[in-house]
């Protein structure tokens, strides 16, 4: 259904016939960490996230999982290898 509160004429999953069903009755603007993300869009009332109605919640415990401007680093696991098992694998 099209939004009639903040993001006029855009598709919104929280819109019902009774109005916006999101907590507070409307979407919240993006936070500073969202600057540069391709999921943020500008409407007449400001900048809003197209993926999340309250972006501050996504940034509360680290990086947002929807953020396109944050590069995620691959973590390399340094596991200890048992030398006895390694030598048996090489012998096969």
PDB file of N, CA and C in Angstrom:
ATOM      1  N   UNK A   1       0.844  -1.171   0.000  1.00  0.00           N
ATOM      2  CA  UNK A   1       0.000   0.000   0.000  1.00  0.00           C
ATOM      3  C   UNK A   1       0.894   1.240   0.000  1.00  0.00           C
ATOM      4  N   UNK A   2       0.463   2.300  -0.633  1.00  0.00           N
ATOM      5  CA  UNK A   2       1.244   3.522  -0.704  1.00  0.00           C
ATOM      6  C   UNK A   2       1.198   4.277   0.611  1.00  0.00           C
ATOM      7  N   UNK A   3       2.362   4.823   0.991  1.00  0.00           N
ATOM      8  CA  UNK A   3       2.485   5.579   2.240  1.00  0.00           C
ATOM      9  C   UNK A   3       1.764   6.921   2.095  1.00  0.00           C
ATOM     10  N   UNK A   4       1.083   7.326   3.141  1.00  0.00           N
ATOM     11  CA  UNK A   4       0.399   8.615   3.109  1.00  0.00           C
ATOM     12  C   UNK A   4       0.849   9.515   4.250  1.00  0.00           C
ATOM     13  N   UNK A   5       1.873   9.100   5.006  1.00  0.00           N
ATOM     14  CA  UNK A   5       2.328   9.919   6.127  1.00  0.00           C
ATOM     15  C   UNK A   5       3.614  10.660   5.796  1.00  0.00           C
ATOM     16  N   UNK A   6       4.732   9.975   5.728  1.00  0.00           N
ATOM     17  CA  UNK A   6       6.032  10.619   5.550  1.00  0.00           C
ATOM     18  C   UNK A   6       6.536  10.495   4.118  1.00  0.00           C
ATOM     19  N   UNK A   7       6.568   9.261   3.608  1.00  0.00           N
ATOM     20  CA  UNK A   7       7.078   8.999   2.263  1.00  0.00           C
ATOM     21  C   UNK A   7       5.902   8.915   1.299  1.00  0.00           C
ATOM     22  N   UNK A   8       5.397  10.025   0.897  1.00  0.00           N
ATOM     23  CA  UNK A   8       4.206  10.086   0.051  1.00  0.00           C
ATOM     24  C   UNK A   8       4.407   9.334  -1.262  1.00  0.00           C
ATOM     25  N   UNK A   9       3.390   8.556  -1.633  1.00  0.00           N
ATOM     26  CA  UNK A   9       3.327   7.825  -2.901  1.00  0.00           C
ATOM     27  C   UNK A   9       4.456   6.813  -3.094  1.00  0.00           C
ATOM     28  N   UNK A  10       4.996   6.253  -2.017  1.00  0.00           N
ATOM     29  CA  UNK A  10       5.957   5.156  -2.128  1.00  0.00           C
ATOM     30  C   UNK A  10       5.364   3.928  -1.465  1.00  0.00           C
ATOM     31  N   UNK A  11       5.734   2.760  -1.954  1.00  0.00           N
ATOM     32  CA  UNK A  11       5.214   1.509  -1.421  1.00  0.00           C
ATOM     33  C   UNK A  11       5.748   1.281  -0.008  1.00  0.00           C
ATOM     34  N   UNK A  12       4.869   0.951   0.925  1.00  0.00           N
ATOM     35  CA  UNK A  12       5.247   0.749   2.319  1.00  0.00           C
ATOM     36  C   UNK A  12       4.493  -0.460   2.871  1.00  0.00           C
ATOM     37  N   UNK A  13       5.208  -1.343   3.553  1.00  0.00           N
ATOM     38  CA  UNK A  13       4.574  -2.544   4.100  1.00  0.00           C
ATOM     39  C   UNK A  13       3.805  -2.251   5.379  1.00  0.00           C
ATOM     40  N   UNK A  14       4.055  -1.118   6.008  1.00  0.00           N
ATOM     41  CA  UNK A  14       3.398  -0.783   7.262  1.00  0.00           C
ATOM     42  C   UNK A  14       2.084  -0.028   7.078  1.00  0.00           C
ATOM     43  N   UNK A  15       1.778   0.387   5.856  1.00  0.00           N
ATOM     44  CA  UNK A  15       0.544   1.131   5.622  1.00  0.00           C
ATOM     45  C   UNK A  15      -0.644   0.177   5.559  1.00  0.00           C
ATOM     46  N   UNK A  16      -1.691   0.552   6.268  1.00  0.00           N
ATOM     47  CA  UNK A  16      -2.949  -0.179   6.231  1.00  0.00           C
ATOM     48  C   UNK A  16      -4.049   0.810   5.882  1.00  0.00           C
ATOM     49  N   UNK A  17      -5.246   0.340   5.821  1.00  0.00           N
ATOM     50  CA  UNK A  17      -6.358   1.243   5.537  1.00  0.00           C
ATOM     51  C   UNK A  17      -6.582   2.235   6.674  1.00  0.00           C
ATOM     52  N   UNK A  18      -6.161   1.851   7.889  1.00  0.00           N
ATOM     53  CA  UNK A  18      -6.315   2.729   9.054  1.00  0.00           C
ATOM     54  C   UNK A  18      -5.157   3.704   9.213  1.00  0.00           C
ATOM     55  N   UNK A  19      -4.103   3.546   8.438  1.00  0.00           N
ATOM     56  CA  UNK A  19      -2.935   4.419   8.539  1.00  0.00           C
ATOM     57  C   UNK A  19      -1.678   3.607   8.766  1.00  0.00           C
ATOM     58  N   UNK A  20      -0.636   4.264   9.196  1.00  0.00           N
ATOM     59  CA  UNK A  20       0.646   3.607   9.401  1.00  0.00           C
ATOM     60  C   UNK A  20       0.598   2.748  10.662  1.00  0.00           C
ATOM     61  N   UNK A  21       0.976   1.478  10.524  1.00  0.00           N
ATOM     62  CA  UNK A  21       0.925   0.559  11.655  1.00  0.00           C
ATOM     63  C   UNK A  21       2.264   0.443  12.368  1.00  0.00           C
ATOM     64  N   UNK A  22       3.285   1.200  11.942  1.00  0.00           N
ATOM     65  CA  UNK A  22       4.581   1.154  12.595  1.00  0.00           C
ATOM     66  C   UNK A  22       4.516   1.878  13.936  1.00  0.00           C
ATOM     67  N   UNK A  23       5.397   1.496  14.850  1.00  0.00           N
ATOM     68  CA  UNK A  23       5.458   2.096  16.181  1.00  0.00           C
ATOM     69  C   UNK A  23       5.660   3.610  16.065  1.00  0.00           C
ATOM     70  N   UNK A  24       4.747   4.381  16.548  1.00  0.00           N
ATOM     71  CA  UNK A  24       4.823   5.830  16.465  1.00  0.00           C
ATOM     72  C   UNK A  24       3.989   6.404  15.335  1.00  0.00           C
ATOM     73  N   UNK A  25       3.525   5.581  14.433  1.00  0.00           N
ATOM     74  CA  UNK A  25       2.650   6.038  13.363  1.00  0.00           C
ATOM     75  C   UNK A  25       3.345   6.569  12.134  1.00  0.00           C
ATOM     76  N   UNK A  26       4.676   6.570  12.092  1.00  0.00           N
ATOM     77  CA  UNK A  26       5.388   7.002  10.898  1.00  0.00           C
ATOM     78  C   UNK A  26       6.834   6.514  10.945  1.00  0.00           C
ATOM     79  N   UNK A  27       7.498   6.545   9.802  1.00  0.00           N
ATOM     80  CA  UNK A  27       8.905   6.141   9.723  1.00  0.00           C
ATOM     81  C   UNK A  27       9.786   7.230  10.323  1.00  0.00           C
ATOM     82  N   UNK A  28      10.972   6.833  10.766  1.00  0.00           N
ATOM     83  CA  UNK A  28      11.920   7.777  11.360  1.00  0.00           C
ATOM     84  C   UNK A  28      12.997   8.117  10.334  1.00  0.00           C
ATOM     85  N   UNK A  29      13.519   9.353  10.371  1.00  0.00           N
ATOM     86  CA  UNK A  29      14.575   9.723   9.420  1.00  0.00           C
ATOM     87  C   UNK A  29      15.870   8.967   9.694  1.00  0.00           C
ATOM     88  N   UNK A  30      16.765   8.959   8.697  1.00  0.00           N
ATOM     89  CA  UNK A  30      18.018   8.230   8.842  1.00  0.00           C
ATOM     90  C   UNK A  30      18.915   8.900   9.877  1.00  0.00           C
ATOM     91  N   UNK A  31      19.856   8.128  10.411  1.00  0.00           N
ATOM     92  CA  UNK A  31      20.825   8.636  11.373  1.00  0.00           C
ATOM     93  C   UNK A  31      22.115   8.958  10.631  1.00  0.00           C
ATOM     94  N   UNK A  32      23.067   9.537  11.327  1.00  0.00           N
ATOM     95  CA  UNK A  32      24.309   9.993  10.704  1.00  0.00           C
ATOM     96  C   UNK A  32      25.089   8.840  10.073  1.00  0.00           C
ATOM     97  N   UNK A  33      25.040   7.667  10.667  1.00  0.00           N
ATOM     98  CA  UNK A  33      25.773   6.522  10.134  1.00  0.00           C
ATOM     99  C   UNK A  33      25.248   6.073   8.776  1.00  0.00           C
ATOM    100  N   UNK A  34      24.021   6.420   8.448  1.00  0.00           N
ATOM    101  CA  UNK A  34      23.403   6.003   7.185  1.00  0.00           C
ATOM    102  C   UNK A  34      23.826   6.861   5.994  1.00  0.00           C
ATOM    103  N   UNK A  35      24.527   7.948   6.226  1.00  0.00           N
ATOM    104  CA  UNK A  35      24.943   8.811   5.118  1.00  0.00           C
ATOM    105  C   UNK A  35      25.862   8.044   4.174  1.00  0.00           C
ATOM    106  N   UNK A  36      25.531   8.032   2.903  1.00  0.00           N
ATOM    107  CA  UNK A  36      26.305   7.326   1.899  1.00  0.00           C
ATOM    108  C   UNK A  36      25.724   5.990   1.507  1.00  0.00           C
ATOM    109  N   UNK A  37      24.699   5.549   2.176  1.00  0.00           N
ATOM    110  CA  UNK A  37      24.077   4.257   1.879  1.00  0.00           C
ATOM    111  C   UNK A  37      23.169   4.403   0.655  1.00  0.00           C
ATOM    112  N   UNK A  38      23.156   3.383  -0.191  1.00  0.00           N
ATOM    113  CA  UNK A  38      22.319   3.458  -1.390  1.00  0.00           C
ATOM    114  C   UNK A  38      20.849   3.170  -1.080  1.00  0.00           C
ATOM    115  N   UNK A  39      20.550   2.699   0.118  1.00  0.00           N
ATOM    116  CA  UNK A  39      19.165   2.429   0.504  1.00  0.00           C
ATOM    117  C   UNK A  39      18.452   3.660   1.071  1.00  0.00           C
ATOM    118  N   UNK A  40      19.168   4.758   1.248  1.00  0.00           N
ATOM    119  CA  UNK A  40      18.512   5.966   1.742  1.00  0.00           C
ATOM    120  C   UNK A  40      17.970   6.758   0.560  1.00  0.00           C
ATOM    121  N   UNK A  41      16.793   7.318   0.747  1.00  0.00           N
ATOM    122  CA  UNK A  41      16.181   8.083  -0.328  1.00  0.00           C
ATOM    123  C   UNK A  41      15.639   9.397   0.230  1.00  0.00           C
ATOM    124  N   UNK A  42      15.660  10.402  -0.608  1.00  0.00           N
ATOM    125  CA  UNK A  42      15.197  11.719  -0.190  1.00  0.00           C
ATOM    126  C   UNK A  42      13.752  11.907  -0.634  1.00  0.00           C
ATOM    127  N   UNK A  43      12.919  12.298   0.299  1.00  0.00           N
ATOM    128  CA  UNK A  43      11.537  12.661   0.003  1.00  0.00           C
ATOM    129  C   UNK A  43      11.352  14.101   0.450  1.00  0.00           C
ATOM    130  N   UNK A  44      10.184  14.633   0.269  1.00  0.00           N
ATOM    131  CA  UNK A  44       9.957  16.045   0.563  1.00  0.00           C
ATOM    132  C   UNK A  44      10.185  16.397   2.029  1.00  0.00           C
ATOM    133  N   UNK A  45      10.013  15.444   2.928  1.00  0.00           N
ATOM    134  CA  UNK A  45      10.159  15.739   4.352  1.00  0.00           C
ATOM    135  C   UNK A  45      11.523  15.372   4.920  1.00  0.00           C
ATOM    136  N   UNK A  46      12.466  14.863   4.087  1.00  0.00           N
ATOM    137  CA  UNK A  46      13.808  14.535   4.559  1.00  0.00           C
ATOM    138  C   UNK A  46      14.328  13.245   3.956  1.00  0.00           C
ATOM    139  N   UNK A  47      15.384  12.692   4.560  1.00  0.00           N
ATOM    140  CA  UNK A  47      16.002  11.459   4.097  1.00  0.00           C
ATOM    141  C   UNK A  47      15.483  10.305   4.935  1.00  0.00           C
ATOM    142  N   UNK A  48      15.076   9.207   4.256  1.00  0.00           N
ATOM    143  CA  UNK A  48      14.534   8.037   4.939  1.00  0.00           C
ATOM    144  C   UNK A  48      15.120   6.778   4.329  1.00  0.00           C
ATOM    145  N   UNK A  49      15.190   5.723   5.139  1.00  0.00           N
ATOM    146  CA  UNK A  49      15.696   4.426   4.684  1.00  0.00           C
ATOM    147  C   UNK A  49      14.574   3.681   3.963  1.00  0.00           C
ATOM    148  N   UNK A  50      14.913   3.057   2.843  1.00  0.00           N
ATOM    149  CA  UNK A  50      13.908   2.300   2.100  1.00  0.00           C
ATOM    150  C   UNK A  50      13.750   0.884   2.634  1.00  0.00           C
ATOM    151  N   UNK A  51      14.691   0.412   3.454  1.00  0.00           N
ATOM    152  CA  UNK A  51      14.656  -0.961   3.953  1.00  0.00           C
ATOM    153  C   UNK A  51      14.173  -1.072   5.389  1.00  0.00           C
ATOM    154  N   UNK A  52      14.329  -0.028   6.181  1.00  0.00           N
ATOM    155  CA  UNK A  52      14.026  -0.110   7.607  1.00  0.00           C
ATOM    156  C   UNK A  52      13.305   1.164   8.053  1.00  0.00           C
ATOM    157  N   UNK A  53      12.200   1.045   8.781  1.00  0.00           N
ATOM    158  CA  UNK A  53      11.473   2.245   9.203  1.00  0.00           C
ATOM    159  C   UNK A  53      12.142   3.008  10.342  1.00  0.00           C
ATOM    160  N   UNK A  54      13.003   2.344  11.133  1.00  0.00           N
ATOM    161  CA  UNK A  54      13.719   3.011  12.228  1.00  0.00           C
ATOM    162  C   UNK A  54      15.200   2.636  12.158  1.00  0.00           C
ATOM    163  N   UNK A  55      15.999   3.397  11.397  1.00  0.00           N
ATOM    164  CA  UNK A  55      17.406   3.045  11.193  1.00  0.00           C
ATOM    165  C   UNK A  55      18.251   3.095  12.460  1.00  0.00           C
ATOM    166  N   UNK A  56      17.878   3.879  13.444  1.00  0.00           N
ATOM    167  CA  UNK A  56      18.700   3.975  14.655  1.00  0.00           C
ATOM    168  C   UNK A  56      18.764   2.641  15.391  1.00  0.00           C
ATOM    169  N   UNK A  57      17.730   1.818  15.272  1.00  0.00           N
ATOM    170  CA  UNK A  57      17.716   0.506  15.913  1.00  0.00           C
ATOM    171  C   UNK A  57      18.753  -0.410  15.271  1.00  0.00           C
ATOM    172  N   UNK A  58      18.921  -0.310  13.963  1.00  0.00           N
ATOM    173  CA  UNK A  58      19.872  -1.161  13.250  1.00  0.00           C
ATOM    174  C   UNK A  58      21.318  -0.841  13.609  1.00  0.00           C
ATOM    175  N   UNK A  59      21.620   0.398  13.984  1.00  0.00           N
ATOM    176  CA  UNK A  59      22.974   0.811  14.306  1.00  0.00           C
ATOM    177  C   UNK A  59      23.275   0.704  15.803  1.00  0.00           C
ATOM    178  N   UNK A  60      22.334   0.295  16.605  1.00  0.00           N
ATOM    179  CA  UNK A  60      22.500   0.286  18.054  1.00  0.00           C
ATOM    180  C   UNK A  60      23.590  -0.683  18.514  1.00  0.00           C
ATOM    181  N   UNK A  61      23.687  -1.850  17.914  1.00  0.00           N
ATOM    182  CA  UNK A  61      24.632  -2.863  18.366  1.00  0.00           C
ATOM    183  C   UNK A  61      25.727  -3.139  17.343  1.00  0.00           C
ATOM    184  N   UNK A  62      26.111  -2.159  16.578  1.00  0.00           N
ATOM    185  CA  UNK A  62      27.159  -2.345  15.576  1.00  0.00           C
ATOM    186  C   UNK A  62      26.679  -1.862  14.220  1.00  0.00           C
ATOM    187  N   UNK A  63      27.242  -2.439  13.181  1.00  0.00           N
ATOM    188  CA  UNK A  63      26.895  -2.032  11.826  1.00  0.00           C
ATOM    189  C   UNK A  63      25.516  -2.546  11.437  1.00  0.00           C
ATOM    190  N   UNK A  64      24.832  -1.754  10.628  1.00  0.00           N
ATOM    191  CA  UNK A  64      23.526  -2.134  10.100  1.00  0.00           C
ATOM    192  C   UNK A  64      23.715  -3.240   9.066  1.00  0.00           C
ATOM    193  N   UNK A  65      22.871  -4.254   9.101  1.00  0.00           N
ATOM    194  CA  UNK A  65      23.001  -5.339   8.134  1.00  0.00           C
ATOM    195  C   UNK A  65      22.494  -4.946   6.751  1.00  0.00           C
ATOM    196  N   UNK A  66      21.792  -3.835   6.622  1.00  0.00           N
ATOM    197  CA  UNK A  66      21.331  -3.352   5.324  1.00  0.00           C
ATOM    198  C   UNK A  66      22.297  -2.350   4.698  1.00  0.00           C
ATOM    199  N   UNK A  67      23.299  -1.896   5.432  1.00  0.00           N
ATOM    200  CA  UNK A  67      24.198  -0.835   4.966  1.00  0.00           C
ATOM    201  C   UNK A  67      24.999  -1.296   3.764  1.00  0.00           C
ATOM    202  N   UNK A  68      24.928  -0.516   2.688  1.00  0.00           N
ATOM    203  CA  UNK A  68      25.667  -0.853   1.475  1.00  0.00           C
ATOM    204  C   UNK A  68      27.007  -0.136   1.418  1.00  0.00           C
ATOM    205  N   UNK A  69      27.224   0.839   2.272  1.00  0.00           N
ATOM    206  CA  UNK A  69      28.454   1.612   2.242  1.00  0.00           C
ATOM    207  C   UNK A  69      29.481   1.126   3.262  1.00  0.00           C
ATOM    208  N   UNK A  70      29.164   0.094   4.031  1.00  0.00           N
ATOM    209  CA  UNK A  70      30.079  -0.454   5.027  1.00  0.00           C
ATOM    210  C   UNK A  70      30.689  -1.732   4.473  1.00  0.00           C
ATOM    211  N   UNK A  71      32.016  -1.759   4.409  1.00  0.00           N
ATOM    212  CA  UNK A  71      32.716  -2.948   3.917  1.00  0.00           C
ATOM    213  C   UNK A  71      32.911  -3.911   5.077  1.00  0.00           C
ATOM    214  N   UNK A  72      32.458  -5.123   4.888  1.00  0.00           N
ATOM    215  CA  UNK A  72      32.596  -6.137   5.930  1.00  0.00           C
ATOM    216  C   UNK A  72      33.893  -6.898   5.700  1.00  0.00           C
ATOM    217  N   UNK A  73      34.674  -7.004   6.760  1.00  0.00           N
ATOM    218  CA  UNK A  73      35.950  -7.684   6.664  1.00  0.00           C
ATOM    219  C   UNK A  73      35.766  -9.174   6.973  1.00  0.00           C
ATOM    220  N   UNK A  74      36.415  -9.985   6.179  1.00  0.00           N
ATOM    221  CA  UNK A  74      36.356 -11.423   6.406  1.00  0.00           C
ATOM    222  C   UNK A  74      37.269 -11.769   7.573  1.00  0.00           C
ATOM    223  N   UNK A  75      36.748 -12.525   8.506  1.00  0.00           N
ATOM    224  CA  UNK A  75      37.541 -12.909   9.660  1.00  0.00           C
ATOM    225  C   UNK A  75      38.212 -14.246   9.377  1.00  0.00           C
ATOM    226  N   UNK A  76      39.519 -14.278   9.546  1.00  0.00           N
ATOM    227  CA  UNK A  76      40.287 -15.491   9.321  1.00  0.00           C
ATOM    228  C   UNK A  76      40.441 -16.196  10.659  1.00  0.00           C
ATOM    229  N   UNK A  77      40.058 -17.452  10.687  1.00  0.00           N
ATOM    230  CA  UNK A  77      40.168 -18.227  11.918  1.00  0.00           C
ATOM    231  C   UNK A  77      41.554 -18.858  11.988  1.00  0.00           C
ATOM    232  N   UNK A  78      42.249 -18.597  13.045  1.00  0.00           N
ATOM    233  CA  UNK A  78      43.545 -19.210  13.275  1.00  0.00           C
ATOM    234  C   UNK A  78      43.345 -20.387  14.212  1.00  0.00           C
ATOM    235  N   UNK A  79      43.132 -21.536  13.615  1.00  0.00           N
ATOM    236  CA  UNK A  79      42.898 -22.728  14.423  1.00  0.00           C
ATOM    237  C   UNK A  79      44.195 -23.491  14.580  1.00  0.00           C
ATOM    238  N   UNK A  80      44.342 -24.110  15.695  1.00  0.00           N
ATOM    239  CA  UNK A  80      45.524 -24.904  15.954  1.00  0.00           C
ATOM    240  C   UNK A  80      45.344 -26.276  15.303  1.00  0.00           C
ATOM    241  N   UNK A  81      46.340 -26.671  14.539  1.00  0.00           N
ATOM    242  CA  UNK A  81      46.282 -27.944  13.833  1.00  0.00           C
ATOM    243  C   UNK A  81      47.105 -28.966  14.610  1.00  0.00           C
ATOM    244  N   UNK A  82      46.512 -30.091  14.822  1.00  0.00           N
ATOM    245  CA  UNK A  82      47.205 -31.171  15.502  1.00  0.00           C
ATOM    246  C   UNK A  82      48.270 -31.735  14.546  1.00  0.00           C
ATOM    247  N   UNK A  83      49.550 -31.690  14.908  1.00  0.00           N
ATOM    248  CA  UNK A  83      50.602 -32.145  13.986  1.00  0.00           C
ATOM    249  C   UNK A  83      50.520 -33.632  13.655  1.00  0.00           C
ATOM    250  N   UNK A  84      50.037 -34.434  14.570  1.00  0.00           N
ATOM    251  CA  UNK A  84      49.928 -35.869  14.310  1.00  0.00           C
ATOM    252  C   UNK A  84      48.881 -36.141  13.230  1.00  0.00           C
ATOM    253  N   UNK A  85      47.728 -35.469  13.345  1.00  0.00           N
ATOM    254  CA  UNK A  85      46.677 -35.642  12.336  1.00  0.00           C
ATOM    255  C   UNK A  85      47.104 -35.066  10.995  1.00  0.00           C
ATOM    256  N   UNK A  86      47.832 -33.958  11.009  1.00  0.00           N
ATOM    257  CA  UNK A  86      48.287 -33.345   9.763  1.00  0.00           C
ATOM    258  C   UNK A  86      49.250 -34.265   9.041  1.00  0.00           C
ATOM    259  N   UNK A  87      50.125 -34.929   9.761  1.00  0.00           N
ATOM    260  CA  UNK A  87      51.075 -35.832   9.115  1.00  0.00           C
ATOM    261  C   UNK A  87      50.364 -37.057   8.536  1.00  0.00           C
ATOM    262  N   UNK A  88      49.329 -37.514   9.192  1.00  0.00           N
ATOM    263  CA  UNK A  88      48.565 -38.647   8.661  1.00  0.00           C
ATOM    264  C   UNK A  88      47.802 -38.245   7.407  1.00  0.00           C
ATOM    265  N   UNK A  89      47.317 -37.041   7.341  1.00  0.00           N
ATOM    266  CA  UNK A  89      46.604 -36.560   6.142  1.00  0.00           C
ATOM    267  C   UNK A  89      47.557 -36.464   4.967  1.00  0.00           C
ATOM    268  N   UNK A  90      48.778 -36.001   5.220  1.00  0.00           N
ATOM    269  CA  UNK A  90      49.767 -35.870   4.152  1.00  0.00           C
ATOM    270  C   UNK A  90      50.191 -37.247   3.637  1.00  0.00           C
ATOM    271  N   UNK A  91      50.145 -38.246   4.497  1.00  0.00           N
ATOM    272  CA  UNK A  91      50.593 -39.587   4.116  1.00  0.00           C
ATOM    273  C   UNK A  91      49.605 -40.267   3.189  1.00  0.00           C
ATOM    274  N   UNK A  92      48.375 -39.878   3.156  1.00  0.00           N
ATOM    275  CA  UNK A  92      47.350 -40.519   2.310  1.00  0.00           C
ATOM    276  C   UNK A  92      47.637 -40.335   0.866  1.00  0.00           C
TER     277      UNK A  92
END
